[in-house]
N, C-alpha and C. Protein backbone atom coordinates (compact mmCIF):
# COMPACT_ATOMS: atom_id res chain seq x y z
N MET A 1 98.99 82.92 102.23
CA MET A 1 100.12 82.30 101.89
C MET A 1 99.99 80.59 102.13
N PRO A 2 100.40 80.19 101.06
CA PRO A 2 100.28 78.41 101.02
C PRO A 2 101.06 78.02 102.21
N ASP A 3 100.65 76.46 102.51
CA ASP A 3 101.57 76.10 103.89
C ASP A 3 103.18 76.17 103.45
N LYS A 4 103.43 75.92 102.08
CA LYS A 4 105.01 76.13 101.66
C LYS A 4 105.16 77.54 100.60
N PRO A 5 105.53 78.36 101.57
CA PRO A 5 105.66 79.89 100.52
C PRO A 5 106.73 79.31 99.55
N SER A 6 106.52 80.30 98.21
CA SER A 6 107.80 80.04 97.35
C SER A 6 108.13 81.69 97.03
N VAL A 7 109.45 81.67 97.05
CA VAL A 7 110.20 83.23 97.01
C VAL A 7 111.04 83.11 95.72
N LEU A 8 111.02 84.07 94.98
CA LEU A 8 111.82 84.32 93.51
C LEU A 8 112.72 85.67 93.90
N PHE A 9 113.96 85.42 93.79
CA PHE A 9 114.81 86.43 93.79
C PHE A 9 115.25 86.87 92.74
N VAL A 10 114.86 88.18 92.23
CA VAL A 10 115.54 88.69 90.99
C VAL A 10 116.26 89.98 90.89
N CYS A 11 117.51 89.63 90.06
CA CYS A 11 118.61 90.74 89.83
C CYS A 11 118.83 90.71 88.03
N VAL A 12 119.15 91.57 87.76
CA VAL A 12 119.70 91.63 86.39
C VAL A 12 120.32 90.59 85.92
N HIS A 13 121.47 90.26 86.63
CA HIS A 13 122.60 89.10 85.79
C HIS A 13 122.45 87.86 86.77
N ASN A 14 121.73 88.06 87.85
CA ASN A 14 121.38 86.80 88.77
C ASN A 14 122.73 86.08 88.74
N ALA A 15 123.70 87.02 89.23
CA ALA A 15 124.99 86.61 89.54
C ALA A 15 125.55 86.84 91.11
N GLY A 16 125.11 87.72 91.53
CA GLY A 16 125.28 88.21 92.74
C GLY A 16 124.56 87.97 94.03
N ARG A 17 123.94 89.57 93.93
CA ARG A 17 122.66 89.40 95.25
C ARG A 17 121.63 88.41 95.26
N SER A 18 120.96 88.22 94.18
CA SER A 18 119.79 87.15 94.23
C SER A 18 120.36 85.70 94.50
N GLN A 19 121.81 85.33 93.96
CA GLN A 19 122.19 84.36 94.09
C GLN A 19 122.45 84.05 95.67
N MET A 20 123.24 85.30 96.42
CA MET A 20 123.30 85.10 97.72
C MET A 20 122.19 84.79 98.58
N ALA A 21 121.18 85.77 98.15
CA ALA A 21 119.83 85.78 98.79
C ALA A 21 119.14 84.55 98.82
N ALA A 22 119.20 83.76 97.49
CA ALA A 22 118.65 82.59 97.31
C ALA A 22 119.21 81.37 98.50
N ALA A 23 120.71 81.35 98.50
CA ALA A 23 121.36 80.55 99.31
C ALA A 23 121.13 80.72 100.55
N TRP A 24 121.00 82.14 101.22
CA TRP A 24 120.78 82.43 102.49
C TRP A 24 119.34 81.87 103.02
N LEU A 25 118.17 82.06 102.04
CA LEU A 25 116.94 81.74 102.56
C LEU A 25 117.00 80.10 102.33
N THR A 26 117.58 79.51 101.30
CA THR A 26 117.57 77.82 101.63
C THR A 26 118.64 77.31 102.69
N HIS A 27 119.39 77.97 103.21
CA HIS A 27 120.21 77.68 104.44
C HIS A 27 119.35 77.68 105.51
N LEU A 28 118.54 78.88 105.62
CA LEU A 28 118.16 79.37 107.17
C LEU A 28 116.79 78.39 107.22
N ALA A 29 116.10 78.54 105.83
CA ALA A 29 114.63 78.04 106.06
C ALA A 29 114.40 76.79 105.67
N GLY A 30 115.47 76.06 105.25
CA GLY A 30 115.43 74.84 104.81
C GLY A 30 114.50 74.56 103.79
N ASP A 31 113.90 73.25 104.07
CA ASP A 31 112.52 73.07 103.12
C ASP A 31 111.09 73.59 103.54
N ARG A 32 111.14 74.43 104.46
CA ARG A 32 109.80 75.30 104.65
C ARG A 32 109.62 76.38 103.63
N VAL A 33 110.26 76.64 102.74
CA VAL A 33 110.32 77.65 101.47
C VAL A 33 110.99 77.02 100.12
N ASP A 34 110.13 77.13 99.19
CA ASP A 34 110.69 77.01 97.78
C ASP A 34 111.31 78.05 97.59
N VAL A 35 112.60 78.01 97.05
CA VAL A 35 113.62 79.17 96.65
C VAL A 35 113.72 78.85 95.17
N ARG A 36 113.79 80.27 94.44
CA ARG A 36 114.64 80.58 92.85
C ARG A 36 115.12 81.87 93.12
N SER A 37 115.83 81.71 92.21
CA SER A 37 116.60 83.12 91.47
C SER A 37 116.55 83.03 90.04
N ALA A 38 116.52 84.30 89.28
CA ALA A 38 116.63 84.68 88.03
C ALA A 38 116.79 85.94 87.81
N GLY A 39 117.15 86.29 86.61
CA GLY A 39 117.43 87.73 85.90
C GLY A 39 117.17 87.83 84.63
N SER A 40 116.89 89.02 84.25
CA SER A 40 116.43 89.40 82.97
C SER A 40 117.46 89.39 82.07
N ASN A 41 118.86 89.57 82.17
CA ASN A 41 119.92 89.22 81.35
C ASN A 41 121.08 88.51 82.04
N PRO A 42 120.79 87.21 82.20
CA PRO A 42 121.61 86.46 83.25
C PRO A 42 123.09 86.33 82.83
N GLY A 43 124.04 86.32 83.66
CA GLY A 43 125.62 86.57 83.45
C GLY A 43 126.05 85.04 82.86
N GLU A 44 126.98 84.90 82.57
CA GLU A 44 127.62 83.71 82.38
C GLU A 44 127.83 82.78 83.52
N ASN A 45 128.37 83.52 84.82
CA ASN A 45 128.69 82.63 85.95
C ASN A 45 128.24 83.69 87.18
N VAL A 46 128.33 82.85 88.22
CA VAL A 46 128.08 83.47 89.76
C VAL A 46 129.31 84.39 90.00
N ASN A 47 129.11 85.44 90.41
CA ASN A 47 130.36 86.22 90.66
C ASN A 47 131.35 85.74 91.76
N PRO A 48 132.45 85.42 91.25
CA PRO A 48 133.38 84.75 92.07
C PRO A 48 133.45 85.50 93.70
N ALA A 49 133.24 86.78 93.62
CA ALA A 49 133.28 87.29 94.87
C ALA A 49 132.28 86.99 95.89
N ALA A 50 131.08 86.91 95.22
CA ALA A 50 130.22 86.17 95.91
C ALA A 50 130.26 84.98 96.52
N VAL A 51 130.61 83.96 95.55
CA VAL A 51 130.79 82.59 95.86
C VAL A 51 131.92 82.55 97.13
N GLU A 52 133.03 83.42 97.00
CA GLU A 52 133.95 83.40 98.23
C GLU A 52 133.46 84.04 99.75
N ALA A 53 132.42 84.79 99.25
CA ALA A 53 131.73 85.32 100.42
C ALA A 53 130.86 84.72 101.07
N MET A 54 130.12 83.76 100.27
CA MET A 54 129.29 82.75 100.67
C MET A 54 130.15 81.56 101.50
N ARG A 55 131.10 81.34 100.89
CA ARG A 55 132.04 80.12 101.55
C ARG A 55 132.49 80.27 102.82
N GLU A 56 132.92 81.66 102.88
CA GLU A 56 133.36 82.06 104.04
C GLU A 56 132.25 81.76 105.59
N VAL A 57 131.20 81.44 105.02
CA VAL A 57 129.96 81.67 106.05
C VAL A 57 129.03 80.11 105.95
N GLY A 58 130.03 79.38 105.15
CA GLY A 58 129.82 77.55 105.14
C GLY A 58 128.57 77.54 104.11
N ILE A 59 128.59 78.20 103.10
CA ILE A 59 127.57 78.03 102.05
C ILE A 59 128.15 78.03 100.78
N ASP A 60 127.81 76.98 99.88
CA ASP A 60 128.75 76.92 98.67
C ASP A 60 127.71 76.98 97.78
N ILE A 61 127.88 78.23 96.71
CA ILE A 61 126.98 78.67 95.70
C ILE A 61 127.96 78.45 94.43
N SER A 62 128.98 77.61 94.70
CA SER A 62 129.90 77.59 93.36
C SER A 62 129.36 76.69 92.40
N ALA A 63 128.33 75.75 92.50
CA ALA A 63 127.48 75.06 91.45
C ALA A 63 126.63 75.72 90.81
N GLU A 64 126.22 76.94 91.31
CA GLU A 64 124.92 77.86 90.85
C GLU A 64 125.24 78.33 89.55
N VAL A 65 124.16 78.55 88.66
CA VAL A 65 124.29 78.71 87.28
C VAL A 65 123.15 80.04 87.34
N PRO A 66 123.59 81.35 86.77
CA PRO A 66 122.62 82.30 86.41
C PRO A 66 121.58 81.95 85.55
N LYS A 67 120.23 82.23 86.02
CA LYS A 67 119.11 81.62 85.16
C LYS A 67 118.28 82.84 84.62
N ILE A 68 117.52 82.42 83.41
CA ILE A 68 116.71 83.58 82.75
C ILE A 68 115.59 83.80 83.74
N LEU A 69 114.97 84.94 83.84
CA LEU A 69 113.55 85.06 84.27
C LEU A 69 112.49 84.96 83.56
N THR A 70 111.60 84.13 84.00
CA THR A 70 110.50 83.77 83.15
C THR A 70 109.24 84.20 83.65
N VAL A 71 108.22 84.30 82.87
CA VAL A 71 106.78 84.70 83.50
C VAL A 71 106.26 83.62 84.34
N ASP A 72 106.64 82.35 83.95
CA ASP A 72 106.32 81.03 84.98
C ASP A 72 106.96 81.22 86.14
N ALA A 73 108.02 81.37 86.54
CA ALA A 73 108.78 81.82 87.35
C ALA A 73 108.00 82.75 88.61
N VAL A 74 107.47 83.73 87.89
CA VAL A 74 107.11 84.74 88.66
C VAL A 74 105.48 84.37 89.07
N LYS A 75 104.83 83.56 88.23
CA LYS A 75 103.61 82.94 88.36
C LYS A 75 103.54 82.02 89.52
N GLU A 76 104.55 81.11 89.61
CA GLU A 76 105.01 80.14 90.46
C GLU A 76 105.25 80.65 92.29
N SER A 77 105.75 81.73 92.03
CA SER A 77 105.85 82.38 93.37
C SER A 77 105.18 83.21 94.10
N ASP A 78 105.08 83.11 95.45
CA ASP A 78 104.20 83.97 96.28
C ASP A 78 104.63 85.20 96.64
N VAL A 79 106.13 85.20 96.52
CA VAL A 79 107.03 86.44 96.99
C VAL A 79 107.88 86.42 95.88
N CYS A 80 107.87 88.13 95.27
CA CYS A 80 109.06 88.17 94.29
C CYS A 80 109.99 89.31 94.84
N ILE A 81 111.05 89.31 94.77
CA ILE A 81 111.96 90.42 95.43
C ILE A 81 113.27 90.67 94.32
N THR A 82 113.02 91.91 94.19
CA THR A 82 113.79 92.61 93.15
C THR A 82 115.03 92.94 94.21
N MET A 83 116.23 93.12 93.56
CA MET A 83 117.39 93.45 94.65
C MET A 83 117.78 94.99 94.51
N GLY A 84 116.99 96.00 93.84
CA GLY A 84 117.56 97.42 93.90
C GLY A 84 118.28 97.31 92.72
N CYS A 85 117.94 96.64 91.56
CA CYS A 85 118.96 96.76 90.45
C CYS A 85 118.03 97.11 89.28
N GLY A 86 116.93 97.69 89.49
CA GLY A 86 116.15 98.30 88.36
C GLY A 86 115.56 97.11 87.58
N ASP A 87 115.52 95.77 87.73
CA ASP A 87 115.00 94.98 87.37
C ASP A 87 113.40 94.69 87.92
N THR A 88 112.32 94.39 86.90
CA THR A 88 111.10 94.40 87.17
C THR A 88 110.60 92.95 86.96
N CYS A 89 109.27 92.76 87.54
CA CYS A 89 108.98 91.42 87.35
C CYS A 89 107.65 91.61 86.48
N PRO A 90 106.97 90.62 85.90
CA PRO A 90 105.74 90.90 85.43
C PRO A 90 104.95 90.67 86.76
N VAL A 91 103.68 91.49 86.79
CA VAL A 91 102.77 91.71 87.82
C VAL A 91 101.68 91.01 87.72
N PHE A 92 101.35 90.06 88.80
CA PHE A 92 100.20 89.14 88.65
C PHE A 92 99.34 89.32 90.26
N PRO A 93 98.50 89.41 90.00
CA PRO A 93 97.34 89.78 91.41
C PRO A 93 97.79 88.69 92.38
N GLY A 94 97.64 89.15 93.60
CA GLY A 94 98.07 88.10 94.59
C GLY A 94 99.41 87.80 94.96
N LYS A 95 100.30 88.26 94.33
CA LYS A 95 101.53 88.11 94.64
C LYS A 95 102.21 89.10 95.25
N ARG A 96 102.92 88.93 96.33
CA ARG A 96 103.86 90.29 97.07
C ARG A 96 104.92 90.47 96.51
N TYR A 97 105.11 91.57 96.21
CA TYR A 97 106.57 92.25 95.35
C TYR A 97 106.88 93.23 96.45
N LEU A 98 108.68 92.89 96.71
CA LEU A 98 109.35 93.72 97.41
C LEU A 98 110.74 94.12 96.67
N ASP A 99 111.31 95.32 96.86
CA ASP A 99 112.50 95.71 96.38
C ASP A 99 113.30 96.01 97.77
N TRP A 100 114.23 95.32 97.66
CA TRP A 100 115.75 95.23 98.48
C TRP A 100 116.68 95.95 98.14
N THR A 101 116.98 97.27 98.25
CA THR A 101 118.01 98.35 97.52
C THR A 101 119.38 97.85 98.42
N LEU A 102 120.17 97.06 97.52
CA LEU A 102 121.49 96.91 97.89
C LEU A 102 122.55 96.94 97.00
N GLU A 103 123.38 97.37 97.38
CA GLU A 103 124.47 97.82 96.56
C GLU A 103 125.22 96.60 95.63
N ASP A 104 125.48 96.83 94.49
CA ASP A 104 125.96 95.80 93.38
C ASP A 104 127.44 95.39 93.63
N PRO A 105 127.47 93.93 93.91
CA PRO A 105 128.75 93.30 94.11
C PRO A 105 129.61 93.35 92.83
N ALA A 106 128.83 93.37 91.64
CA ALA A 106 129.84 93.14 90.24
C ALA A 106 131.11 94.32 90.44
N GLY A 107 132.29 93.15 89.86
CA GLY A 107 133.23 93.87 89.70
C GLY A 107 134.16 94.28 91.17
N GLN A 108 133.59 93.87 92.22
CA GLN A 108 133.94 94.29 93.60
C GLN A 108 134.83 92.91 94.23
N GLY A 109 135.63 93.36 94.88
CA GLY A 109 136.36 92.10 95.85
C GLY A 109 135.66 91.75 96.97
N VAL A 110 136.11 90.59 97.43
CA VAL A 110 135.15 90.00 98.50
C VAL A 110 135.25 90.87 99.55
N GLU A 111 136.13 91.66 99.97
CA GLU A 111 135.90 92.62 101.20
C GLU A 111 134.71 93.55 100.89
N ALA A 112 134.47 94.05 99.69
CA ALA A 112 133.15 94.61 99.54
C ALA A 112 132.04 93.83 99.44
N VAL A 113 132.02 92.62 99.37
CA VAL A 113 130.79 91.67 98.92
C VAL A 113 130.52 91.65 100.70
N ARG A 114 131.35 91.21 101.46
CA ARG A 114 130.82 90.83 102.85
C ARG A 114 129.74 91.91 103.48
N PRO A 115 129.82 92.93 103.53
CA PRO A 115 128.93 93.66 103.97
C PRO A 115 127.37 93.69 103.23
N ILE A 116 127.53 93.28 101.91
CA ILE A 116 126.30 92.93 100.96
C ILE A 116 125.67 91.72 101.55
N ARG A 117 126.60 90.57 101.66
CA ARG A 117 126.06 89.26 102.07
C ARG A 117 125.38 89.32 103.40
N ASP A 118 125.94 90.30 104.32
CA ASP A 118 125.43 90.14 105.87
C ASP A 118 124.20 91.09 105.75
N GLU A 119 124.12 91.99 104.85
CA GLU A 119 122.83 92.78 104.84
C GLU A 119 121.69 92.05 104.20
N ILE A 120 122.05 91.05 103.45
CA ILE A 120 121.20 90.13 102.80
C ILE A 120 120.61 89.14 104.00
N LYS A 121 121.49 88.79 104.49
CA LYS A 121 121.26 87.57 105.58
C LYS A 121 120.13 88.25 106.54
N VAL A 122 120.29 89.60 106.85
CA VAL A 122 119.47 90.27 107.87
C VAL A 122 118.13 90.33 107.16
N LEU A 123 117.89 90.70 106.13
CA LEU A 123 116.72 90.93 105.32
C LEU A 123 116.02 89.63 105.08
N VAL A 124 116.91 88.29 104.71
CA VAL A 124 116.08 87.25 104.85
C VAL A 124 115.70 86.78 105.91
N GLU A 125 116.29 86.95 107.01
CA GLU A 125 115.77 86.52 108.24
C GLU A 125 114.60 87.30 108.56
N GLY A 126 114.34 88.49 108.23
CA GLY A 126 113.24 88.97 108.63
C GLY A 126 111.94 88.37 107.86
N LEU A 127 112.55 88.07 106.63
CA LEU A 127 111.18 87.62 105.43
C LEU A 127 110.88 86.18 106.19
N ILE A 128 111.97 85.32 106.48
CA ILE A 128 111.36 83.89 107.07
C ILE A 128 110.47 84.31 108.27
N LYS A 129 110.55 84.95 109.14
CA LYS A 129 109.72 85.34 110.56
C LYS A 129 108.42 85.65 109.74
N GLU A 130 108.34 86.34 108.79
CA GLU A 130 106.80 86.41 108.21
C GLU A 130 106.18 85.64 107.59
N ILE A 131 106.91 84.76 106.74
CA ILE A 131 106.40 83.96 105.76
C ILE A 131 106.60 82.31 106.16
N ALA A 132 107.78 81.90 106.91
CA ALA A 132 107.87 80.72 107.55
C ALA A 132 108.47 80.60 108.56
N PRO A 133 107.80 81.12 109.70
CA PRO A 133 108.43 80.94 111.11
C PRO A 133 108.73 79.66 111.58
N GLU A 134 109.74 79.36 112.40
CA GLU A 134 109.80 77.93 113.01
C GLU A 134 108.40 77.57 113.42
N PRO A 135 108.28 76.16 113.16
CA PRO A 135 106.92 75.43 113.63
C PRO A 135 107.08 75.33 115.28
N GLN A 136 106.09 75.97 116.03
CA GLN A 136 106.03 75.87 117.48
C GLN A 136 105.64 74.19 117.92
N SER A 137 106.74 73.90 118.84
CA SER A 137 106.26 72.64 119.25
C SER A 137 105.82 72.13 120.33
């Protein structure tokens, strides 16, 4: 893995799970990781319940916009993570592919999204330990 690994989170609409995962990774790893997210059929906006759930933990994703999944985004990523939504990435040798099975927050209120947000945080923390641990001083 390069000095600064890159991670792509993929979910069909790029409006909930993948946006929360990208925000957690950016928040927790800072500039130690390049982070992107995308979807095969992006929604118009980020899920308002996901925005609210992340705001509750001090992370603002209200300005994020769902993005289309491109072959280049996959090529530029060291780790590609699908969010249990049946979306697939183009497969390239040397990439690491993971699938995190997570409940879909679409159409749910913030009460239902909170546990999804918290589960994503735990998964992201584990990923950081693997690919971008804190430097030893």
